[in-house]
Amino acid sequence: MSLGKEVNETVYKVIGSCMEVHKIVGPGFPVEFYHKALEIELADKAVQYEEAQSVKVKYKDVEIGSVPVDFLVNECVILMIRSDEQLRDIEVQQILRIMSQNDIPVGLLMNFGNTKVQYKRVLPSRQGSSSPPMRKDGAMLRPLAYREMGRTREGNPLH
């Protein structure tokens, strides 16, 4: 299942905005600096967003809490920003679960902590499934897999 044109355009604008922020601000500052700069950049590009949005976390269809995400862009892209040495797999799993439980098709995890901006575009491998896969007896199957794109050369162990 392919993503809609509007979603892809939103992702493109968000990634471009993050690259512009990184180019001007530079690497390694506190994440709050990049957050404020992204607010300015997204507004300049007329991209609709909600900042510091809380999204639901569920267990067996019962809300057990909420977790903040940095930006919810056009109600179709979750953007989480970091300023660390590298992105961690647990952050990818967290954004994947948030996406699946809130019917959001794309997640972006951006890292401003290196000389080049590092990002992961997270897409569920089971498109169309709004909840984690369950067996007939109600037990959950393995964690959802994901497809990622956009790792920088520095973040790719093959180079």
Protein backbone atom coordinates (compact mmCIF):
# COMPACT_ATOMS: atom_id res chain seq x y z
CA MET A 1 0.00 0.00 0.00
CA SER A 2 1.51 3.31 -1.01
CA LEU A 3 1.24 6.47 0.99
CA GLY A 4 -0.84 9.30 -0.36
CA LYS A 5 0.72 12.16 -2.25
CA GLU A 6 -0.15 14.60 0.56
CA VAL A 7 1.63 12.45 3.17
CA ASN A 8 4.74 12.11 0.99
CA GLU A 9 4.82 15.86 0.37
CA THR A 10 4.50 16.49 4.11
CA VAL A 11 7.39 14.11 4.85
CA TYR A 12 9.51 15.81 2.18
CA LYS A 13 8.83 19.27 3.66
CA VAL A 14 9.58 18.11 7.20
CA ILE A 15 12.88 16.48 6.23
CA GLY A 16 13.84 19.60 4.24
CA SER A 17 12.96 21.80 7.22
CA CYS A 18 15.10 19.68 9.52
CA MET A 19 18.04 19.84 7.14
CA GLU A 20 17.71 23.62 6.90
CA VAL A 21 17.63 23.92 10.70
CA HIS A 22 20.70 21.70 11.04
CA LYS A 23 22.55 23.68 8.37
CA ILE A 24 21.98 26.97 10.20
CA VAL A 25 22.09 25.93 13.88
CA GLY A 26 24.72 23.18 13.57
CA PRO A 27 25.16 19.96 15.52
CA GLY A 28 25.16 19.10 19.20
CA PHE A 29 23.02 21.77 20.86
CA PRO A 30 20.22 20.97 23.32
CA VAL A 31 17.12 19.53 21.65
CA GLU A 32 15.07 22.56 22.75
CA PHE A 33 17.08 24.76 20.33
CA TYR A 34 16.14 22.54 17.38
CA HIS A 35 12.54 22.38 18.56
CA LYS A 36 12.20 26.19 18.52
CA ALA A 37 14.01 26.47 15.20
CA LEU A 38 11.70 23.83 13.66
CA GLU A 39 8.65 25.74 14.84
CA ILE A 40 9.94 28.76 12.91
CA GLU A 41 10.92 26.75 9.83
CA LEU A 42 7.65 24.79 9.62
CA ALA A 43 5.66 28.03 9.98
CA ASP A 44 7.76 29.63 7.21
CA LYS A 45 6.92 26.70 4.93
CA ALA A 46 3.21 26.92 5.88
CA VAL A 47 3.18 23.39 7.24
CA GLN A 48 0.44 22.74 9.79
CA TYR A 49 1.65 21.13 13.00
CA GLU A 50 0.84 20.64 16.64
CA GLU A 51 3.79 20.75 19.01
CA ALA A 52 4.37 18.72 22.16
CA GLN A 53 1.29 16.67 21.41
CA SER A 54 0.42 13.77 23.73
CA VAL A 55 -0.69 10.56 22.08
CA LYS A 56 -2.40 7.56 23.68
CA VAL A 57 -0.72 4.31 24.67
CA LYS A 58 -3.05 1.34 24.91
CA TYR A 59 -2.99 -2.16 26.28
CA LYS A 60 -5.69 -4.48 24.92
CA ASP A 61 -7.71 -1.50 23.69
CA VAL A 62 -7.59 0.20 27.10
CA GLU A 63 -5.75 3.50 27.39
CA ILE A 64 -2.97 3.11 29.96
CA GLY A 65 -1.35 6.49 29.51
CA SER A 66 0.01 8.95 27.03
CA VAL A 67 3.41 9.87 25.72
CA PRO A 68 4.50 13.23 24.31
CA VAL A 69 5.70 13.53 20.73
CA ASP A 70 7.60 16.61 19.60
CA PHE A 71 5.42 17.40 16.58
CA LEU A 72 2.32 15.98 14.93
CA VAL A 73 2.51 17.34 11.38
CA ASN A 74 -0.64 17.61 9.23
CA GLU A 75 -2.19 14.91 11.43
CA CYS A 76 -0.29 12.30 9.40
CA VAL A 77 3.38 12.42 10.46
CA ILE A 78 4.85 12.02 13.93
CA LEU A 79 8.15 13.88 14.27
CA MET A 80 10.41 13.13 17.21
CA ILE A 81 13.69 15.00 17.49
CA ARG A 82 16.89 14.10 19.32
CA SER A 83 20.34 15.54 19.80
CA ASP A 84 22.39 12.44 20.63
CA GLU A 85 25.39 10.61 19.22
CA GLN A 86 23.09 8.16 17.46
CA LEU A 87 19.48 7.01 17.26
CA ARG A 88 18.53 3.92 19.22
CA ASP A 89 16.40 0.99 18.09
CA ILE A 90 14.14 1.37 21.13
CA GLU A 91 13.16 4.85 19.89
CA VAL A 92 12.16 3.35 16.54
CA GLN A 93 10.04 0.72 18.28
CA GLN A 94 8.40 3.39 20.45
CA ILE A 95 7.46 5.58 17.48
CA LEU A 96 6.21 2.50 15.60
CA ARG A 97 3.85 1.56 18.45
CA ILE A 98 2.60 5.14 18.75
CA MET A 99 1.88 5.18 15.00
CA SER A 100 -0.01 1.89 15.03
CA GLN A 101 -2.12 2.77 18.08
CA ASN A 102 -3.08 6.21 16.78
CA ASP A 103 -3.56 5.45 13.05
CA ILE A 104 -0.71 7.70 11.93
CA PRO A 105 0.94 6.43 8.72
CA VAL A 106 4.51 7.82 9.00
CA GLY A 107 6.99 8.51 11.75
CA LEU A 108 10.18 10.54 11.47
CA LEU A 109 12.94 10.27 14.02
CA MET A 110 15.49 13.07 13.54
CA ASN A 111 18.89 13.36 15.22
CA PHE A 112 20.70 16.71 15.23
CA GLY A 113 23.63 15.47 17.34
CA ASN A 114 26.08 14.72 14.50
CA THR A 115 27.83 16.75 11.83
CA LYS A 116 25.15 15.54 9.39
CA VAL A 117 21.51 15.25 10.34
CA GLN A 118 20.55 11.62 10.84
CA TYR A 119 16.98 10.50 10.33
CA LYS A 120 14.85 7.42 10.12
CA ARG A 121 11.59 7.37 8.24
CA VAL A 122 9.50 4.72 9.93
CA LEU A 123 6.75 2.97 7.99
CA PRO A 124 4.84 0.00 9.40
CA SER A 125 5.38 -3.14 7.38
CA ARG A 126 1.75 -4.15 7.93
CA GLN A 127 -0.04 -1.19 6.40
CA GLY A 128 -3.76 -1.09 7.02
CA SER A 129 -3.55 -2.69 10.46
CA SER A 130 -4.44 -0.14 13.10
CA SER A 131 -3.72 -2.43 16.05
CA PRO A 132 -0.93 -4.89 16.78
CA PRO A 133 -1.53 -8.29 15.15
CA MET A 134 -3.34 -10.79 17.39
CA ARG A 135 -3.77 -14.54 17.25
CA LYS A 136 -7.25 -16.05 17.46
CA ASP A 137 -6.73 -16.78 21.16
CA GLY A 138 -6.06 -13.06 21.79
CA ALA A 139 -2.29 -13.31 22.30
CA MET A 140 -0.18 -10.67 20.59
CA LEU A 141 2.16 -11.74 17.81
CA ARG A 142 5.76 -10.60 17.48
CA PRO A 143 6.38 -6.84 17.61
CA LEU A 144 5.55 -4.99 14.42
CA ALA A 145 8.41 -4.76 12.00
CA TYR A 146 9.25 -1.54 10.23
CA ARG A 147 10.88 -0.30 7.12
CA GLU A 148 13.32 2.51 7.56
CA MET A 149 14.87 4.89 5.12
CA GLY A 150 17.18 7.84 5.41
CA ARG A 151 20.09 6.71 7.54
CA THR A 152 23.13 8.83 6.96
CA ARG A 153 26.33 7.28 5.84
CA GLU A 154 27.77 7.68 9.35
CA GLY A 155 24.82 5.77 10.81
CA ASN A 156 25.00 2.91 8.32
CA PRO A 157 27.17 0.04 9.60
CA LEU A 158 27.84 -1.11 6.02
CA HIS A 159 29.91 1.97 5.12
